Amino acid sequence: ASLAETVAALGEVTRGVNGTAEGASRAPGVVATARTNAEKGGEIVARAIDAMTEIQNSSSKIGNIISVIAEIAFQTK
């Protein structure tokens, strides 16, 4: 009975070690995927920053145009 328990325990240990090894072998793939996703996320953020900068510049130009129109309107009263 003791031998059977020992064999069963060793079987469980073996399954645990194999599961850990399988998880470790998958880890590099998971890390590579995470890195790729992070790089893509960084590219998206960079494009969003560029777009916001362009919007800010356009908004400033529109503000200047509105100021000129307001000055002209004030002078024609």
N, C-alpha and C. Protein backbone atom coordinates (compact mmCIF):
# COMPACT_ATOMS: atom_id res chain seq x y z
N ALA A 1 0.84 -1.19 0.00
CA ALA A 1 0.00 0.00 0.00
C ALA A 1 0.88 1.25 0.00
N SER A 2 1.92 1.22 0.79
CA SER A 2 2.83 2.36 0.87
C SER A 2 3.52 2.59 -0.47
N LEU A 3 3.90 1.53 -1.14
CA LEU A 3 4.53 1.65 -2.45
C LEU A 3 3.55 2.23 -3.46
N ALA A 4 2.31 1.81 -3.39
CA ALA A 4 1.29 2.33 -4.30
C ALA A 4 1.08 3.82 -4.06
N GLU A 5 1.07 4.23 -2.80
CA GLU A 5 0.92 5.65 -2.48
C GLU A 5 2.11 6.45 -2.99
N THR A 6 3.30 5.88 -2.85
CA THR A 6 4.51 6.55 -3.32
C THR A 6 4.47 6.70 -4.84
N VAL A 7 4.06 5.65 -5.54
CA VAL A 7 3.96 5.70 -7.00
C VAL A 7 2.93 6.74 -7.42
N ALA A 8 1.79 6.80 -6.72
CA ALA A 8 0.76 7.78 -7.03
C ALA A 8 1.28 9.19 -6.80
N ALA A 9 2.00 9.39 -5.69
CA ALA A 9 2.55 10.71 -5.39
C ALA A 9 3.58 11.11 -6.44
N LEU A 10 4.42 10.18 -6.86
CA LEU A 10 5.41 10.47 -7.90
C LEU A 10 4.71 10.80 -9.22
N GLY A 11 3.61 10.12 -9.50
CA GLY A 11 2.84 10.42 -10.70
C GLY A 11 2.31 11.85 -10.68
N GLU A 12 1.81 12.27 -9.51
CA GLU A 12 1.32 13.63 -9.37
C GLU A 12 2.44 14.65 -9.54
N VAL A 13 3.58 14.35 -8.93
CA VAL A 13 4.74 15.24 -9.07
C VAL A 13 5.16 15.34 -10.53
N THR A 14 5.18 14.20 -11.21
CA THR A 14 5.56 14.18 -12.62
C THR A 14 4.60 15.03 -13.44
N ARG A 15 3.29 14.87 -13.18
CA ARG A 15 2.30 15.68 -13.91
C ARG A 15 2.50 17.17 -13.62
N GLY A 16 2.79 17.49 -12.38
CA GLY A 16 3.04 18.89 -12.02
C GLY A 16 4.26 19.46 -12.72
N VAL A 17 5.33 18.68 -12.76
CA VAL A 17 6.56 19.12 -13.44
C VAL A 17 6.30 19.28 -14.92
N ASN A 18 5.58 18.33 -15.52
CA ASN A 18 5.27 18.44 -16.95
C ASN A 18 4.41 19.66 -17.24
N GLY A 19 3.44 19.94 -16.37
CA GLY A 19 2.60 21.13 -16.55
C GLY A 19 3.42 22.40 -16.45
N THR A 20 4.33 22.43 -15.50
CA THR A 20 5.20 23.60 -15.36
C THR A 20 6.09 23.77 -16.58
N ALA A 21 6.62 22.67 -17.09
CA ALA A 21 7.47 22.73 -18.29
C ALA A 21 6.69 23.22 -19.49
N GLU A 22 5.45 22.75 -19.64
CA GLU A 22 4.62 23.20 -20.75
C GLU A 22 4.34 24.70 -20.63
N GLY A 23 4.04 25.14 -19.42
CA GLY A 23 3.80 26.57 -19.21
C GLY A 23 5.04 27.39 -19.51
N ALA A 24 6.19 26.90 -19.11
CA ALA A 24 7.45 27.61 -19.37
C ALA A 24 7.75 27.66 -20.86
N SER A 25 7.40 26.60 -21.58
CA SER A 25 7.67 26.59 -23.02
C SER A 25 6.74 27.55 -23.76
N ARG A 26 5.57 27.82 -23.19
CA ARG A 26 4.63 28.76 -23.82
C ARG A 26 4.97 30.21 -23.48
N ALA A 27 5.70 30.43 -22.42
CA ALA A 27 6.00 31.78 -21.95
C ALA A 27 6.67 32.66 -23.00
N PRO A 28 7.69 32.19 -23.73
CA PRO A 28 8.30 33.07 -24.73
C PRO A 28 7.31 33.55 -25.79
N GLY A 29 6.41 32.68 -26.20
CA GLY A 29 5.40 33.08 -27.18
C GLY A 29 4.47 34.14 -26.64
N VAL A 30 4.08 33.96 -25.39
CA VAL A 30 3.20 34.94 -24.74
C VAL A 30 3.93 36.28 -24.61
N VAL A 31 5.19 36.23 -24.23
CA VAL A 31 5.98 37.46 -24.08
C VAL A 31 6.14 38.15 -25.43
N ALA A 32 6.40 37.38 -26.47
CA ALA A 32 6.55 37.96 -27.82
C ALA A 32 5.25 38.62 -28.26
N THR A 33 4.13 37.98 -28.00
CA THR A 33 2.84 38.56 -28.37
C THR A 33 2.58 39.85 -27.60
N ALA A 34 2.89 39.82 -26.31
CA ALA A 34 2.71 41.02 -25.48
C ALA A 34 3.59 42.16 -25.98
N ARG A 35 4.81 41.84 -26.36
CA ARG A 35 5.72 42.87 -26.87
C ARG A 35 5.20 43.46 -28.16
N THR A 36 4.73 42.60 -29.07
CA THR A 36 4.19 43.07 -30.34
C THR A 36 2.99 43.98 -30.09
N ASN A 37 2.11 43.56 -29.19
CA ASN A 37 0.93 44.37 -28.88
C ASN A 37 1.32 45.71 -28.27
N ALA A 38 2.33 45.71 -27.42
CA ALA A 38 2.80 46.95 -26.80
C ALA A 38 3.39 47.89 -27.85
N GLU A 39 4.14 47.32 -28.79
CA GLU A 39 4.71 48.15 -29.85
C GLU A 39 3.61 48.76 -30.72
N LYS A 40 2.60 47.96 -31.05
CA LYS A 40 1.48 48.48 -31.84
C LYS A 40 0.75 49.56 -31.06
N GLY A 41 0.59 49.34 -29.76
CA GLY A 41 -0.06 50.35 -28.92
C GLY A 41 0.73 51.65 -28.91
N GLY A 42 2.04 51.54 -28.85
CA GLY A 42 2.90 52.73 -28.89
C GLY A 42 2.76 53.48 -30.19
N GLU A 43 2.67 52.76 -31.30
CA GLU A 43 2.49 53.39 -32.61
C GLU A 43 1.14 54.11 -32.67
N ILE A 44 0.11 53.49 -32.13
CA ILE A 44 -1.22 54.11 -32.13
C ILE A 44 -1.21 55.38 -31.29
N VAL A 45 -0.56 55.34 -30.14
CA VAL A 45 -0.48 56.52 -29.29
C VAL A 45 0.29 57.63 -30.00
N ALA A 46 1.37 57.29 -30.68
CA ALA A 46 2.15 58.30 -31.41
C ALA A 46 1.30 58.95 -32.50
N ARG A 47 0.51 58.15 -33.22
CA ARG A 47 -0.36 58.72 -34.26
C ARG A 47 -1.44 59.60 -33.64
N ALA A 48 -1.96 59.18 -32.49
CA ALA A 48 -2.98 59.99 -31.82
C ALA A 48 -2.40 61.33 -31.37
N ILE A 49 -1.17 61.32 -30.88
CA ILE A 49 -0.52 62.57 -30.46
C ILE A 49 -0.32 63.47 -31.67
N ASP A 50 0.11 62.90 -32.80
CA ASP A 50 0.28 63.70 -34.02
C ASP A 50 -1.04 64.31 -34.45
N ALA A 51 -2.11 63.52 -34.40
CA ALA A 51 -3.43 64.02 -34.79
C ALA A 51 -3.88 65.14 -33.87
N MET A 52 -3.66 64.98 -32.56
CA MET A 52 -4.05 66.02 -31.61
C MET A 52 -3.25 67.30 -31.83
N THR A 53 -1.98 67.15 -32.18
CA THR A 53 -1.15 68.33 -32.47
C THR A 53 -1.67 69.06 -33.69
N GLU A 54 -2.05 68.31 -34.72
CA GLU A 54 -2.62 68.94 -35.92
C GLU A 54 -3.93 69.63 -35.60
N ILE A 55 -4.76 69.01 -34.77
CA ILE A 55 -6.03 69.62 -34.37
C ILE A 55 -5.78 70.91 -33.60
N GLN A 56 -4.78 70.88 -32.72
CA GLN A 56 -4.45 72.08 -31.95
C GLN A 56 -3.99 73.20 -32.87
N ASN A 57 -3.15 72.87 -33.84
CA ASN A 57 -2.67 73.88 -34.79
C ASN A 57 -3.83 74.45 -35.61
N SER A 58 -4.71 73.57 -36.07
CA SER A 58 -5.86 74.03 -36.84
C SER A 58 -6.77 74.90 -35.99
N SER A 59 -6.96 74.51 -34.75
CA SER A 59 -7.80 75.29 -33.85
C SER A 59 -7.23 76.68 -33.64
N SER A 60 -5.92 76.77 -33.51
CA SER A 60 -5.26 78.06 -33.34
C SER A 60 -5.46 78.93 -34.57
N LYS A 61 -5.33 78.33 -35.75
CA LYS A 61 -5.54 79.08 -36.99
C LYS A 61 -6.98 79.56 -37.10
N ILE A 62 -7.93 78.71 -36.74
CA ILE A 62 -9.34 79.09 -36.78
C ILE A 62 -9.59 80.24 -35.80
N GLY A 63 -8.97 80.18 -34.63
CA GLY A 63 -9.10 81.26 -33.65
C GLY A 63 -8.59 82.58 -34.21
N ASN A 64 -7.47 82.53 -34.93
CA ASN A 64 -6.92 83.74 -35.54
C ASN A 64 -7.87 84.30 -36.60
N ILE A 65 -8.43 83.42 -37.41
CA ILE A 65 -9.37 83.84 -38.45
C ILE A 65 -10.60 84.48 -37.81
N ILE A 66 -11.11 83.88 -36.75
CA ILE A 66 -12.28 84.44 -36.07
C ILE A 66 -11.95 85.81 -35.49
N SER A 67 -10.76 85.97 -34.96
CA SER A 67 -10.35 87.27 -34.42
C SER A 67 -10.32 88.33 -35.51
N VAL A 68 -9.80 88.00 -36.66
CA VAL A 68 -9.75 88.94 -37.78
C VAL A 68 -11.17 89.31 -38.21
N ILE A 69 -12.04 88.31 -38.32
CA ILE A 69 -13.43 88.58 -38.71
C ILE A 69 -14.11 89.47 -37.67
N ALA A 70 -13.86 89.20 -36.39
CA ALA A 70 -14.45 90.02 -35.33
C ALA A 70 -13.94 91.45 -35.41
N GLU A 71 -12.67 91.65 -35.70
CA GLU A 71 -12.12 93.00 -35.82
C GLU A 71 -12.74 93.73 -37.00
N ILE A 72 -12.89 93.03 -38.12
CA ILE A 72 -13.50 93.65 -39.30
C ILE A 72 -14.95 94.02 -38.99
N ALA A 73 -15.65 93.11 -38.32
CA ALA A 73 -17.06 93.37 -37.98
C ALA A 73 -17.15 94.57 -37.04
N PHE A 74 -16.24 94.68 -36.09
CA PHE A 74 -16.25 95.79 -35.15
C PHE A 74 -16.01 97.10 -35.87
N GLN A 75 -15.12 97.11 -36.88
CA GLN A 75 -14.78 98.34 -37.60
C GLN A 75 -15.91 98.78 -38.53
N THR A 76 -16.75 97.84 -38.93
CA THR A 76 -17.82 98.21 -39.87
C THR A 76 -19.09 98.62 -39.15
N LYS A 77 -19.10 98.63 -37.82
CA LYS A 77 -20.31 99.06 -37.08
C LYS A 77 -20.50 100.53 -37.15
